Amino acid sequence: MTIIDEILICANQLANAGTKPTVALVKAKLSQRAPLATVITTLKGWQHQPDFIAPTINEEQVVNNDSSAKNTSELLESLLENGVIKKVIQQSLALELTEMKKELYEMKLLINNLSEQLTKK
């Protein structure tokens, strides 16, 4: 089972229980770690499938792994065309930049305070 399948299963389980699947709820429910961008992009394309709540393995799926890769590829192409991936990356970078600016500001304050203390002595 791929991480995307697990995300979809978690989202369906939450929706079946009457809870709106959010990034935080799905991420907390996953059995393995997943990049935040993967969870977000998968949920953006998610459509409720009430019966898809557990991994299913049958001979056809084993034989047709190429079709699964094709579906994933089509999903990624769709997300690229809609600009979803670009938006997620931009949001992620903006958050990182904001955090870095905050840390830089705090470091400047510490340096200024230390400098003032040294000049007073």
Protein backbone atom coordinates (compact mmCIF):
# COMPACT_ATOMS: atom_id res chain seq x y z
CA MET A 1 0.00 0.00 0.00
CA THR A 2 1.36 3.40 -0.93
CA ILE A 3 1.31 6.40 1.38
CA ILE A 4 -1.26 8.02 -0.93
CA ASP A 5 -3.55 5.00 -0.49
CA GLU A 6 -3.15 5.22 3.28
CA ILE A 7 -3.99 8.94 3.22
CA LEU A 8 -7.11 8.25 1.13
CA ILE A 9 -8.15 5.40 3.44
CA CYS A 10 -7.73 7.62 6.53
CA ALA A 11 -9.74 10.40 4.88
CA ASN A 12 -12.52 7.97 3.98
CA GLN A 13 -12.58 6.50 7.49
CA LEU A 14 -12.87 9.98 9.01
CA ALA A 15 -15.59 10.98 6.55
CA ASN A 16 -17.49 7.75 7.23
CA ALA A 17 -17.38 8.63 10.95
CA GLY A 18 -18.91 12.03 10.19
CA THR A 19 -15.67 13.98 10.67
CA LYS A 20 -14.26 16.28 8.01
CA PRO A 21 -10.80 14.97 7.06
CA THR A 22 -8.25 17.68 7.80
CA VAL A 23 -4.52 17.56 7.20
CA ALA A 24 -3.85 17.34 10.95
CA LEU A 25 -6.39 14.55 11.56
CA VAL A 26 -5.18 12.48 8.62
CA LYS A 27 -1.50 12.99 9.44
CA ALA A 28 -2.12 11.90 13.04
CA LYS A 29 -3.90 8.76 11.86
CA LEU A 30 -1.17 7.59 9.46
CA SER A 31 0.90 4.54 10.42
CA GLN A 32 3.98 5.88 8.65
CA ARG A 33 5.45 9.34 8.30
CA ALA A 34 4.44 11.30 5.24
CA PRO A 35 5.62 14.66 3.94
CA LEU A 36 3.12 17.42 4.67
CA ALA A 37 3.01 18.36 0.99
CA THR A 38 1.98 14.80 0.08
CA VAL A 39 -0.86 14.84 2.61
CA ILE A 40 -2.07 18.25 1.42
CA THR A 41 -1.95 17.48 -2.30
CA THR A 42 -3.61 14.10 -1.80
CA LEU A 43 -6.43 15.62 0.26
CA LYS A 44 -6.92 18.38 -2.32
CA GLY A 45 -7.72 15.72 -4.93
CA TRP A 46 -9.56 13.42 -2.52
CA GLN A 47 -13.16 12.43 -3.17
CA HIS A 48 -15.10 10.46 -0.61
CA GLN A 49 -15.24 6.75 -1.39
CA PRO A 50 -17.10 5.20 1.57
CA ASP A 51 -16.05 1.63 0.67
CA PHE A 52 -12.31 2.37 0.35
CA ILE A 53 -11.45 2.07 4.04
CA ALA A 54 -8.91 -0.75 3.99
CA PRO A 55 -6.17 -1.82 1.64
CA THR A 56 -7.38 -4.28 -0.92
CA ILE A 57 -5.05 -6.67 -2.69
CA ASN A 58 -6.17 -8.87 -5.52
CA GLU A 59 -4.46 -10.55 -8.44
CA GLU A 60 -5.53 -7.85 -10.84
CA GLN A 61 -3.86 -5.15 -8.75
CA VAL A 62 -0.65 -7.15 -8.46
CA VAL A 63 -0.56 -7.70 -12.20
CA ASN A 64 -1.56 -4.12 -13.00
CA ASN A 65 0.94 -2.14 -10.93
CA ASP A 66 1.53 -0.09 -14.06
CA SER A 67 -2.06 1.19 -13.99
CA SER A 68 -1.57 2.30 -10.37
CA ALA A 69 1.54 4.20 -11.40
CA LYS A 70 -0.43 5.64 -14.32
CA ASN A 71 -3.21 6.80 -11.95
CA THR A 72 -0.66 8.40 -9.65
CA SER A 73 1.00 10.01 -12.62
CA GLU A 74 -2.36 11.32 -13.85
CA LEU A 75 -3.13 12.68 -10.38
CA LEU A 76 0.22 14.47 -10.26
CA GLU A 77 -0.28 15.86 -13.77
CA SER A 78 -3.73 17.08 -12.78
CA LEU A 79 -2.36 18.73 -9.65
CA LEU A 80 0.41 20.35 -11.68
CA GLU A 81 -2.04 21.66 -14.27
CA ASN A 82 -4.28 23.11 -11.56
CA GLY A 83 -1.30 24.74 -9.87
CA VAL A 84 -2.00 22.96 -6.57
CA ILE A 85 1.55 21.70 -6.14
CA LYS A 86 2.95 25.14 -6.93
CA LYS A 87 0.67 26.73 -4.33
CA VAL A 88 1.63 24.16 -1.69
CA ILE A 89 5.32 24.74 -2.36
CA GLN A 90 4.85 28.51 -2.24
CA GLN A 91 2.97 28.26 1.07
CA SER A 92 5.61 25.98 2.52
CA LEU A 93 8.42 28.30 1.45
CA ALA A 94 6.57 31.33 2.80
CA LEU A 95 6.20 29.63 6.18
CA GLU A 96 9.87 28.67 6.25
CA LEU A 97 10.91 32.19 5.24
CA THR A 98 8.72 33.70 7.97
CA GLU A 99 10.29 31.39 10.55
CA MET A 100 13.79 32.25 9.37
CA LYS A 101 13.03 35.98 9.52
CA LYS A 102 11.74 35.57 13.05
CA GLU A 103 14.88 33.69 14.11
CA LEU A 104 17.10 36.29 12.46
CA TYR A 105 15.28 39.08 14.27
CA GLU A 106 15.71 37.26 17.59
CA MET A 107 19.42 36.76 16.90
CA LYS A 108 19.84 40.48 16.13
CA LEU A 109 18.16 41.35 19.42
CA LEU A 110 20.47 39.01 21.30
CA ILE A 111 23.53 40.46 19.59
CA ASN A 112 22.40 44.01 20.34
CA ASN A 113 21.73 43.17 23.99
CA LEU A 114 25.10 41.48 24.34
CA SER A 115 26.81 44.39 22.63
CA GLU A 116 25.11 46.87 25.01
CA GLN A 117 26.15 44.82 28.02
CA LEU A 118 29.77 44.71 26.87
CA THR A 119 29.92 48.47 26.25
CA LYS A 120 28.53 49.21 29.74
CA LYS A 121 31.35 47.27 31.41
